[in-house]
Amino acid sequence: MTGRRGVATLAVRPSRSGRLSDRGLELALLLGAILICVFGYADTALTLTGKLPSGIATTCAAAAVLPLVCHVCVRRFAPHADPLILPLATLLSGLGLVLIHRLDIAYATHYHHATAAAPGQLMWCGIAVAVFAATVALVKHHRRLQRYPYVTITVGLVLLMAPAFYPGDVYGAKRWIFIGPLSFQPGEFVKIVIVVFFAGYLTMRRDALALAGRRLMGMYLPRGRQLGPVAAVWMLSLLVLIFERDLGTSLIFFGLFVIMLYVATERTSWVVFGVVMFAVGAFVVGSFEPHVHGRVVAWLHPMDIFLPPDQRPPGLVSDQAAQALFSFGSGGILGAGLGGGHPELIGFAGRSDFILTTVGEELGLVGVTLVVLLYALLAERGLRTAMTVTDPFGKLLAGGLASALVLQVFVVVGGVTGLIPLTGKALPFLAQGGSSMVANWLLVAVLIKVSDTARRPPPLPAADLSAADTQLVRP
């Protein structure tokens, strides 16, 4: 443009090098994750069958296109998002496909009539990517999720309690809703809905909840009127435990509320009360509910399953806990290599929560540690986003989503390794399950949107922008 006295100037747009750097890093990490998964897929087939699987090019191309579609969507609709979140989710999902394919071969050999699960899981990955892309594109700002808190919690409670009204159960627990030939686990989506509601509710009520009552043994006891929401959530988690026999969902549901309550109020007394309340409730329910009691017995006496039936503790009916310990023990430090173990001995649960035993047996302690570190790094990016974003709702939303991931990984890994009773929940991204895959990619999409807001640079004032972006071309 031409200024006064014939001075020609040119307006230059603000530098976008930071954005390109983040998205370039994300693309490089995505390509690395894809290569790792393709190598694992080929290595597994060569070890078990001595040849590459038929259609490997098509399968690998489909698995590679999906994360690249996510990258394009993030580049378009969330250009400032954290560059590590998407590659971490992609690597975990790809490793899950490799492990499920490995188990398909083992089950086909051992059980002869087993159905391959890897193609179906790849299809669910495609659906999850579509949900991810739609969420990133349609949710313009994460604060829009705060608009209808009571509608959100109503939907969440309906989904949470719906499995209790279906006759029968699957593997001892009521987690599934059946619609014709289709089934899904609403609990996987409830954790996201609950986080959205808790973030909105605690943003409005945190000042009242932070008020201290009486002091006892160095702690400030909550005021009586503020214990109502905690008691209501506690009772609801116990109802889930009693009527659905779902220890994992109950623990995640109540644990999420306590963690987010602590983040909002910074009162350790809420954590102490929450832990005590859940421990008491779980002890009472575990004492008389047969399915929950059986999981506790299997946790306390896993090896007693090999005793004669008349000498086993009452309620002990499964050898999965013992076989999991054998898998971890035989794997050692470095493992037997992909295809070198016998994960099929776990039985049907090898593709769900016990898929971690395949990692332990064939990739060893090193492989398990790396998988847990991937989860930890993904949660750390969520917590970093919570610390960076400025609005209170965004802080609680990102922190709650990261906490939901950590809690689910904890209850699954803790149950499989014998740290806590088995819960039957699916290991996020890694295990087979369409509901789990779609829900966890939805969680990643919301985290992407919050991180985009948190990392977006503030706009420059008009005077500073003019000075920075206008330069002299010629006199």
Protein backbone atom coordinates (compact mmCIF):
# COMPACT_ATOMS: atom_id res chain seq x y z
CA MET A 1 0.00 0.00 0.00
CA THR A 2 1.11 3.61 -0.57
CA GLY A 3 1.38 6.00 2.38
CA ARG A 4 1.79 9.75 2.56
CA ARG A 5 4.56 11.50 0.54
CA GLY A 6 4.75 8.62 -1.91
CA VAL A 7 6.11 6.16 0.65
CA ALA A 8 5.13 2.69 -0.45
CA THR A 9 4.54 0.11 2.28
CA LEU A 10 3.46 -3.52 2.23
CA ALA A 11 1.23 -5.14 4.87
CA VAL A 12 2.50 -8.60 5.78
CA ARG A 13 0.40 -11.22 7.59
CA PRO A 14 1.48 -12.39 11.05
CA SER A 15 4.02 -15.17 11.11
CA ARG A 16 2.54 -18.68 11.14
CA SER A 17 5.80 -20.53 11.68
CA GLY A 18 4.75 -21.69 15.14
CA ARG A 19 1.60 -23.28 13.76
CA LEU A 20 3.44 -24.99 10.94
CA SER A 21 6.05 -26.25 13.36
CA ASP A 22 3.43 -27.87 15.61
CA ARG A 23 1.56 -29.49 12.75
CA GLY A 24 4.81 -30.55 11.11
CA LEU A 25 5.89 -32.25 14.34
CA GLU A 26 2.50 -33.92 14.59
CA LEU A 27 2.77 -35.25 11.02
CA ALA A 28 6.30 -36.58 11.60
CA LEU A 29 5.21 -38.36 14.79
CA LEU A 30 2.16 -39.79 13.02
CA LEU A 31 4.32 -41.24 10.25
CA GLY A 32 6.62 -42.75 12.87
CA ALA A 33 3.68 -44.33 14.70
CA ILE A 34 2.32 -45.75 11.43
CA LEU A 35 5.69 -47.28 10.56
CA ILE A 36 5.98 -48.91 13.99
CA CYS A 37 2.55 -50.49 13.65
CA VAL A 38 3.12 -51.68 10.08
CA PHE A 39 6.41 -53.28 11.12
CA GLY A 40 4.72 -55.00 14.08
CA TYR A 41 1.92 -56.29 11.85
CA ALA A 42 4.36 -57.76 9.33
CA ASP A 43 6.69 -59.18 12.01
CA THR A 44 3.81 -60.95 13.76
CA ALA A 45 2.64 -62.64 10.57
CA LEU A 46 6.16 -63.69 9.58
CA THR A 47 6.80 -65.18 13.04
CA LEU A 48 3.56 -67.15 13.23
CA THR A 49 2.97 -68.16 9.61
CA GLY A 50 6.29 -67.64 7.87
CA LYS A 51 4.80 -65.30 5.28
CA LEU A 52 3.21 -61.91 4.97
CA PRO A 53 -0.58 -61.90 5.31
CA SER A 54 -2.69 -61.61 2.20
CA GLY A 55 -3.98 -58.11 1.62
CA ILE A 56 -1.29 -56.55 3.78
CA ALA A 57 -0.98 -53.56 1.43
CA THR A 58 -4.71 -52.78 1.64
CA THR A 59 -4.81 -53.20 5.42
CA CYS A 60 -1.75 -51.03 6.00
CA ALA A 61 -3.00 -48.38 3.59
CA ALA A 62 -6.36 -48.20 5.39
CA ALA A 63 -4.66 -48.04 8.79
CA ALA A 64 -2.38 -45.24 7.52
CA VAL A 65 -5.13 -43.16 5.90
CA LEU A 66 -7.21 -42.91 9.08
CA PRO A 67 -4.70 -40.97 11.22
CA LEU A 68 -3.78 -38.77 8.25
CA VAL A 69 -7.46 -37.82 7.91
CA CYS A 70 -7.39 -36.85 11.59
CA HIS A 71 -4.25 -34.79 11.00
CA VAL A 72 -5.85 -32.88 8.12
CA CYS A 73 -8.92 -32.22 10.24
CA VAL A 74 -6.83 -30.94 13.15
CA ARG A 75 -4.75 -28.78 10.82
CA ARG A 76 -7.94 -27.21 9.46
CA PHE A 77 -10.12 -26.82 12.56
CA ALA A 78 -7.69 -26.87 15.53
CA PRO A 79 -4.39 -25.51 14.17
CA HIS A 80 -2.94 -24.63 17.59
CA ALA A 81 -3.69 -27.98 19.26
CA ASP A 82 -1.08 -29.97 21.16
CA PRO A 83 0.99 -31.87 18.56
CA LEU A 84 1.48 -35.00 20.73
CA ILE A 85 -2.10 -35.97 21.56
CA LEU A 86 -3.05 -37.32 18.12
CA PRO A 87 0.18 -39.34 17.54
CA LEU A 88 -0.06 -40.94 20.99
CA ALA A 89 -3.66 -42.04 20.42
CA THR A 90 -2.71 -43.31 16.94
CA LEU A 91 0.22 -45.36 18.23
CA LEU A 92 -1.86 -46.98 20.98
CA SER A 93 -4.69 -47.80 18.56
CA GLY A 94 -2.24 -49.21 16.01
CA LEU A 95 -0.54 -51.39 18.61
CA GLY A 96 -3.98 -52.64 19.60
CA LEU A 97 -4.69 -53.69 16.01
CA VAL A 98 -1.35 -55.54 15.86
CA LEU A 99 -2.04 -57.39 19.12
CA ILE A 100 -5.61 -58.31 18.11
CA HIS A 101 -4.33 -59.63 14.78
CA ARG A 102 -1.72 -61.65 16.67
CA LEU A 103 -4.45 -63.09 18.93
CA ASP A 104 -6.64 -63.89 15.91
CA ILE A 105 -3.94 -66.19 14.56
CA ALA A 106 -3.45 -67.84 17.96
CA TYR A 107 -7.18 -68.36 18.54
CA ALA A 108 -7.68 -69.75 15.03
CA THR A 109 -4.95 -72.33 15.72
CA HIS A 110 -5.97 -73.17 19.27
CA TYR A 111 -9.78 -73.05 19.07
CA HIS A 112 -10.23 -73.70 15.31
CA HIS A 113 -13.61 -71.97 15.09
CA ALA A 114 -12.60 -68.58 16.45
CA THR A 115 -13.69 -65.56 14.42
CA ALA A 116 -11.08 -62.97 13.43
CA ALA A 117 -11.60 -59.72 15.32
CA ALA A 118 -8.98 -57.48 13.69
CA PRO A 119 -11.06 -56.58 10.58
CA GLY A 120 -13.97 -55.53 12.77
CA GLN A 121 -11.69 -53.51 15.01
CA LEU A 122 -10.27 -51.71 11.96
CA MET A 123 -13.83 -50.89 10.90
CA TRP A 124 -14.53 -49.44 14.35
CA CYS A 125 -11.34 -47.39 14.06
CA GLY A 126 -12.80 -45.89 10.89
CA ILE A 127 -16.04 -45.04 12.71
CA ALA A 128 -14.04 -43.55 15.58
CA VAL A 129 -12.10 -41.35 13.14
CA ALA A 130 -15.38 -40.13 11.63
CA VAL A 131 -16.66 -39.22 15.12
CA PHE A 132 -13.34 -37.54 15.90
CA ALA A 133 -13.43 -35.47 12.72
CA ALA A 134 -17.06 -34.46 13.22
CA THR A 135 -16.39 -33.36 16.80
CA VAL A 136 -13.31 -31.33 15.92
CA ALA A 137 -15.12 -29.68 13.00
CA LEU A 138 -18.51 -29.00 14.59
CA VAL A 139 -17.55 -28.00 18.15
CA LYS A 140 -16.38 -24.44 17.55
CA HIS A 141 -15.35 -23.86 21.18
CA HIS A 142 -15.25 -26.17 24.17
CA ARG A 143 -17.30 -23.76 26.30
CA ARG A 144 -20.34 -24.62 24.20
CA LEU A 145 -20.43 -27.94 26.06
CA GLN A 146 -21.21 -26.00 29.24
CA ARG A 147 -24.55 -24.65 28.05
CA TYR A 148 -26.86 -27.52 29.04
CA PRO A 149 -25.49 -29.17 32.22
CA TYR A 150 -28.76 -30.72 33.41
CA VAL A 151 -29.62 -32.11 30.01
CA THR A 152 -26.12 -33.57 29.92
CA ILE A 153 -26.41 -35.28 33.30
CA THR A 154 -29.89 -36.61 32.44
CA VAL A 155 -28.53 -38.28 29.31
CA GLY A 156 -25.55 -39.57 31.28
CA LEU A 157 -27.68 -41.12 34.03
CA VAL A 158 -30.00 -42.77 31.52
CA LEU A 159 -27.02 -44.32 29.76
CA LEU A 160 -25.43 -45.31 33.05
CA MET A 161 -28.47 -47.14 34.40
CA ALA A 162 -29.84 -48.53 31.12
CA PRO A 163 -27.94 -51.87 31.19
CA ALA A 164 -29.55 -52.74 34.54
CA PHE A 165 -32.94 -53.05 32.81
CA TYR A 166 -31.78 -55.55 30.19
CA PRO A 167 -32.39 -59.20 31.07
CA GLY A 168 -29.36 -61.41 31.46
CA ASP A 169 -25.74 -60.37 31.57
CA VAL A 170 -22.47 -60.92 29.75
CA TYR A 171 -19.58 -62.54 31.63
CA GLY A 172 -21.25 -61.81 34.96
CA ALA A 173 -21.79 -58.04 34.58
CA LYS A 174 -24.48 -55.90 32.99
CA ARG A 175 -22.58 -53.41 30.83
CA TRP A 176 -24.17 -53.84 27.43
CA ILE A 177 -27.26 -52.51 25.69
CA PHE A 178 -28.55 -54.75 22.89
CA ILE A 179 -30.37 -53.30 19.89
CA GLY A 180 -31.04 -56.14 17.47
CA PRO A 181 -27.72 -57.69 16.45
CA LEU A 182 -25.78 -54.66 17.71
CA SER A 183 -24.52 -54.05 21.22
CA PHE A 184 -22.58 -51.28 22.89
CA GLN A 185 -21.32 -50.33 26.34
CA PRO A 186 -22.84 -47.01 27.41
CA GLY A 187 -20.40 -46.79 30.31
CA GLU A 188 -17.63 -45.92 27.88
CA PHE A 189 -19.51 -42.79 26.82
CA VAL A 190 -20.84 -41.98 30.28
CA LYS A 191 -17.36 -41.12 31.55
CA ILE A 192 -17.17 -38.27 29.00
CA VAL A 193 -20.71 -37.06 29.68
CA ILE A 194 -20.07 -37.14 33.43
CA VAL A 195 -16.85 -35.13 33.05
CA VAL A 196 -18.69 -32.47 31.03
CA PHE A 197 -21.42 -32.20 33.67
CA PHE A 198 -19.04 -32.21 36.64
CA ALA A 199 -16.92 -29.52 34.98
CA GLY A 200 -19.99 -27.31 34.50
CA TYR A 201 -21.47 -28.01 37.93
CA LEU A 202 -18.22 -27.48 39.85
CA THR A 203 -17.48 -24.29 37.93
CA MET A 204 -20.75 -22.86 39.26
CA ARG A 205 -20.54 -24.35 42.80
CA ARG A 206 -16.85 -24.49 43.62
CA ASP A 207 -16.92 -21.47 45.96
CA ALA A 208 -19.62 -23.02 48.10
CA LEU A 209 -17.92 -26.43 48.08
CA ALA A 210 -14.60 -24.88 49.08
CA LEU A 211 -16.05 -23.40 52.29
CA ALA A 212 -14.63 -25.21 55.31
CA GLY A 213 -16.62 -26.54 58.23
CA ARG A 214 -15.27 -27.87 61.47
CA ARG A 215 -11.65 -28.87 61.91
CA LEU A 216 -10.96 -32.47 62.97
CA MET A 217 -7.56 -34.22 63.18
CA GLY A 218 -5.90 -31.55 61.05
CA MET A 219 -8.55 -31.60 58.32
CA TYR A 220 -11.41 -29.25 57.57
CA LEU A 221 -14.62 -31.24 57.42
CA PRO A 222 -17.05 -30.28 54.64
CA ARG A 223 -20.15 -28.39 55.63
CA GLY A 224 -23.20 -30.58 56.06
CA ARG A 225 -25.25 -29.01 53.27
CA GLN A 226 -22.39 -29.50 50.80
CA LEU A 227 -22.20 -33.24 51.46
CA GLY A 228 -25.47 -33.74 49.57
CA PRO A 229 -23.99 -33.96 46.04
CA VAL A 230 -21.21 -36.27 47.23
CA ALA A 231 -23.69 -38.55 48.99
CA ALA A 232 -25.89 -38.63 45.88
CA VAL A 233 -22.98 -39.59 43.61
CA TRP A 234 -21.84 -42.17 46.19
CA MET A 235 -25.28 -43.77 46.28
CA LEU A 236 -25.49 -43.82 42.49
CA SER A 237 -22.08 -45.52 42.20
CA LEU A 238 -23.25 -48.16 44.69
CA LEU A 239 -26.44 -48.73 42.70
CA VAL A 240 -24.31 -49.35 39.61
CA LEU A 241 -22.20 -51.76 41.64
CA ILE A 242 -25.25 -53.62 43.00
CA PHE A 243 -27.57 -53.81 40.00
CA GLU A 244 -25.02 -53.96 37.18
CA ARG A 245 -22.21 -55.71 39.08
CA ASP A 246 -19.77 -53.38 37.30
CA LEU A 247 -16.94 -52.58 39.69
CA GLY A 248 -14.89 -50.74 37.05
CA THR A 249 -17.58 -48.27 35.97
CA SER A 250 -18.55 -47.62 39.60
CA LEU A 251 -14.94 -46.89 40.57
CA ILE A 252 -14.35 -44.61 37.57
CA PHE A 253 -17.62 -42.75 38.11
CA PHE A 254 -17.07 -41.99 41.78
CA GLY A 255 -13.31 -41.47 41.41
CA LEU A 256 -13.87 -38.88 38.69
CA PHE A 257 -16.16 -36.86 40.91
CA VAL A 258 -13.74 -36.89 43.85
CA ILE A 259 -10.74 -35.93 41.69
CA MET A 260 -12.57 -33.08 39.97
CA LEU A 261 -13.96 -31.93 43.30
CA TYR A 262 -10.42 -31.72 44.68
CA VAL A 263 -9.19 -29.85 41.59
CA ALA A 264 -12.04 -27.34 41.91
CA THR A 265 -11.77 -26.75 45.68
CA GLU A 266 -8.18 -27.80 46.58
CA ARG A 267 -9.57 -29.41 49.75
CA THR A 268 -7.86 -32.70 50.64
CA SER A 269 -10.72 -33.47 53.01
CA TRP A 270 -12.93 -34.23 50.00
CA VAL A 271 -10.44 -36.84 48.80
CA VAL A 272 -10.27 -38.49 52.23
CA PHE A 273 -14.04 -38.59 52.54
CA GLY A 274 -14.39 -39.92 49.00
CA VAL A 275 -11.90 -42.75 49.49
CA VAL A 276 -13.46 -43.76 52.82
CA MET A 277 -16.99 -43.69 51.42
CA PHE A 278 -16.13 -45.77 48.37
CA ALA A 279 -14.10 -48.27 50.42
CA VAL A 280 -16.98 -48.79 52.83
CA GLY A 281 -19.51 -49.15 50.04
CA ALA A 282 -17.34 -51.53 48.00
CA PHE A 283 -16.68 -53.67 51.09
CA VAL A 284 -20.38 -53.97 51.90
CA VAL A 285 -21.41 -54.76 48.31
CA GLY A 286 -18.46 -57.12 47.78
CA SER A 287 -19.50 -59.10 50.83
CA PHE A 288 -22.95 -60.14 49.56
CA GLU A 289 -23.05 -59.60 45.75
CA PRO A 290 -21.84 -62.93 44.25
CA HIS A 291 -20.16 -61.62 41.09
CA VAL A 292 -18.24 -58.84 42.87
CA HIS A 293 -17.39 -61.25 45.70
CA GLY A 294 -16.02 -63.75 43.16
CA ARG A 295 -13.69 -61.13 41.73
CA VAL A 296 -12.41 -60.31 45.21
CA VAL A 297 -11.79 -64.01 45.93
CA ALA A 298 -9.93 -64.43 42.62
CA TRP A 299 -7.80 -61.42 43.54
CA LEU A 300 -6.94 -62.74 47.02
CA HIS A 301 -6.43 -66.40 46.02
CA PRO A 302 -5.60 -66.58 42.29
CA MET A 303 -3.62 -69.85 42.48
CA ASP A 304 -6.27 -71.72 44.46
CA ILE A 305 -8.08 -72.41 41.18
CA PHE A 306 -5.63 -75.30 40.65
CA LEU A 307 -6.73 -77.01 43.87
CA PRO A 308 -9.38 -79.77 43.78
CA PRO A 309 -12.85 -78.24 43.44
CA ASP A 310 -13.85 -79.12 47.00
CA GLN A 311 -10.81 -77.26 48.39
CA ARG A 312 -11.24 -73.99 46.48
CA PRO A 313 -12.58 -70.89 48.23
CA PRO A 314 -16.30 -70.29 47.55
CA GLY A 315 -16.87 -68.12 44.51
CA LEU A 316 -13.57 -68.90 42.74
CA VAL A 317 -14.46 -70.12 39.24
CA SER A 318 -11.91 -68.64 36.80
CA ASP A 319 -8.21 -69.20 36.19
CA GLN A 320 -7.72 -65.95 34.23
CA ALA A 321 -6.00 -64.15 37.11
CA ALA A 322 -3.55 -67.00 37.56
CA GLN A 323 -2.86 -67.32 33.83
CA ALA A 324 -2.19 -63.57 33.66
CA LEU A 325 0.46 -63.87 36.35
CA PHE A 326 2.03 -66.78 34.48
CA SER A 327 2.10 -64.68 31.29
CA PHE A 328 3.87 -61.79 32.97
CA GLY A 329 6.31 -64.16 34.67
CA SER A 330 7.22 -66.01 31.47
CA GLY A 331 7.74 -62.76 29.59
CA GLY A 332 10.57 -61.61 31.81
CA ILE A 333 12.36 -58.39 30.95
CA LEU A 334 12.37 -58.46 27.14
CA GLY A 335 9.62 -60.99 26.38
CA ALA A 336 9.42 -63.86 23.93
CA GLY A 337 8.91 -61.62 20.90
CA LEU A 338 5.70 -61.03 18.95
CA GLY A 339 4.25 -64.44 18.17
CA GLY A 340 6.52 -66.27 20.60
CA GLY A 341 4.13 -66.66 23.54
CA HIS A 342 0.84 -68.37 24.32
CA PRO A 343 -1.64 -65.59 25.12
CA GLU A 344 -4.53 -67.76 23.92
CA LEU A 345 -4.39 -69.62 27.26
CA ILE A 346 -6.12 -66.65 28.86
CA GLY A 347 -9.25 -67.53 26.88
CA PHE A 348 -11.86 -65.14 25.53
CA ALA A 349 -10.67 -62.19 27.65
CA GLY A 350 -7.32 -62.01 25.86
CA ARG A 351 -8.65 -59.39 23.46
CA SER A 352 -10.21 -57.17 26.14
CA ASP A 353 -8.79 -56.28 29.56
CA PHE A 354 -6.24 -59.13 29.44
CA ILE A 355 -4.66 -57.88 26.23
CA LEU A 356 -1.96 -56.38 28.43
CA THR A 357 -0.83 -59.90 29.30
CA THR A 358 0.05 -60.41 25.62
CA VAL A 359 2.26 -57.34 25.87
CA GLY A 360 3.86 -58.67 29.04
CA GLU A 361 4.50 -62.14 27.65
CA GLU A 362 5.79 -61.19 24.22
CA LEU A 363 7.33 -57.75 24.81
CA GLY A 364 8.27 -58.26 28.46
CA LEU A 365 8.49 -55.76 31.26
CA VAL A 366 10.03 -53.28 28.82
CA GLY A 367 6.98 -53.45 26.56
CA VAL A 368 4.51 -53.08 29.44
CA THR A 369 6.48 -50.13 30.78
CA LEU A 370 6.48 -48.42 27.39
CA VAL A 371 2.72 -48.92 26.96
CA VAL A 372 2.04 -47.49 30.42
CA LEU A 373 4.34 -44.57 29.62
CA LEU A 374 2.36 -43.86 26.45
CA TYR A 375 -0.79 -43.62 28.54
CA ALA A 376 1.01 -41.48 31.10
CA LEU A 377 2.28 -39.12 28.41
CA LEU A 378 -1.19 -38.80 26.89
CA ALA A 379 -2.63 -37.99 30.32
CA GLU A 380 0.20 -35.53 30.93
CA ARG A 381 -0.70 -33.64 27.76
CA GLY A 382 -4.26 -33.42 29.03
CA LEU A 383 -3.14 -32.11 32.42
CA ARG A 384 -0.78 -29.66 30.74
CA THR A 385 -3.73 -28.41 28.71
CA ALA A 386 -5.73 -28.01 31.93
CA MET A 387 -2.95 -25.91 33.42
CA THR A 388 -2.60 -23.75 30.31
CA VAL A 389 -6.21 -22.97 29.43
CA THR A 390 -7.52 -19.88 31.18
CA ASP A 391 -11.25 -20.48 31.74
CA PRO A 392 -12.30 -22.58 34.79
CA PHE A 393 -14.62 -24.84 32.78
CA GLY A 394 -11.83 -25.70 30.34
CA LYS A 395 -9.46 -26.47 33.23
CA LEU A 396 -11.90 -28.88 34.84
CA LEU A 397 -12.89 -30.40 31.49
CA ALA A 398 -9.32 -31.17 30.39
CA GLY A 399 -8.29 -32.30 33.87
CA GLY A 400 -11.36 -34.52 34.13
CA LEU A 401 -10.79 -36.16 30.75
CA ALA A 402 -7.15 -36.87 31.62
CA SER A 403 -8.28 -38.27 34.99
CA ALA A 404 -10.87 -40.50 33.29
CA LEU A 405 -8.14 -41.99 31.11
CA VAL A 406 -5.82 -42.51 34.08
CA LEU A 407 -8.57 -44.12 36.19
CA GLN A 408 -9.56 -46.56 33.45
CA VAL A 409 -5.97 -47.54 32.76
CA PHE A 410 -5.41 -47.97 36.49
CA VAL A 411 -8.41 -50.23 37.09
CA VAL A 412 -7.51 -52.41 34.08
CA VAL A 413 -3.75 -52.63 34.61
CA GLY A 414 -4.21 -52.96 38.36
CA GLY A 415 -6.71 -55.79 37.93
CA VAL A 416 -4.64 -57.73 35.39
CA THR A 417 -1.42 -57.44 37.41
CA GLY A 418 -3.13 -58.37 40.70
CA LEU A 419 -2.91 -54.98 42.36
CA ILE A 420 -6.71 -54.70 42.70
CA PRO A 421 -9.64 -57.03 41.87
CA LEU A 422 -10.47 -57.52 38.21
CA THR A 423 -12.96 -55.05 36.79
CA GLY A 424 -13.54 -56.30 33.24
CA LYS A 425 -13.14 -52.84 31.66
CA ALA A 426 -11.48 -52.55 28.25
CA LEU A 427 -7.97 -51.12 28.09
CA PRO A 428 -8.36 -47.79 26.22
CA PHE A 429 -7.33 -47.84 22.52
CA LEU A 430 -5.54 -51.19 22.90
CA ALA A 431 -8.36 -53.66 23.57
CA GLN A 432 -11.05 -54.91 21.23
CA GLY A 433 -14.36 -53.08 21.45
CA GLY A 434 -16.23 -50.66 19.23
CA SER A 435 -17.78 -48.66 22.08
CA SER A 436 -14.43 -48.24 23.77
CA MET A 437 -12.66 -47.20 20.58
CA VAL A 438 -15.27 -44.61 19.58
CA ALA A 439 -15.57 -43.19 23.11
CA ASN A 440 -11.83 -42.81 23.58
CA TRP A 441 -11.37 -41.09 20.23
CA LEU A 442 -14.23 -38.78 21.20
CA LEU A 443 -12.30 -38.02 24.40
CA VAL A 444 -9.22 -37.22 22.31
CA ALA A 445 -11.26 -34.91 20.07
CA VAL A 446 -12.50 -32.87 23.04
CA LEU A 447 -8.96 -32.66 24.42
CA ILE A 448 -7.77 -31.45 21.01
CA LYS A 449 -10.35 -28.64 21.04
CA VAL A 450 -9.45 -27.54 24.57
CA SER A 451 -5.73 -27.59 23.78
CA ASP A 452 -6.35 -25.55 20.64
CA THR A 453 -7.93 -22.83 22.79
CA ALA A 454 -5.20 -23.10 25.43
CA ARG A 455 -2.34 -22.75 22.93
CA ARG A 456 -3.89 -20.12 20.69
CA PRO A 457 -1.75 -16.95 20.86
CA PRO A 458 -3.54 -13.83 22.07
CA PRO A 459 -4.37 -11.28 19.36
CA LEU A 460 -2.01 -8.34 19.07
CA PRO A 461 -3.37 -4.83 19.64
CA ALA A 462 -4.10 -2.95 16.44
CA ALA A 463 -1.15 -0.55 16.88
CA ASP A 464 1.32 -3.36 17.58
CA LEU A 465 0.01 -5.42 14.67
CA SER A 466 0.46 -2.46 12.31
CA ALA A 467 4.02 -1.87 13.52
CA ALA A 468 4.96 -5.53 13.33
CA ASP A 469 3.43 -6.37 9.98
CA THR A 470 4.15 -3.20 7.93
CA GLN A 471 7.52 -2.70 6.40
CA LEU A 472 9.02 -0.12 4.04
CA VAL A 473 9.32 -1.29 0.47
CA ARG A 474 10.70 1.82 -1.28
CA PRO A 475 10.78 5.60 -0.76
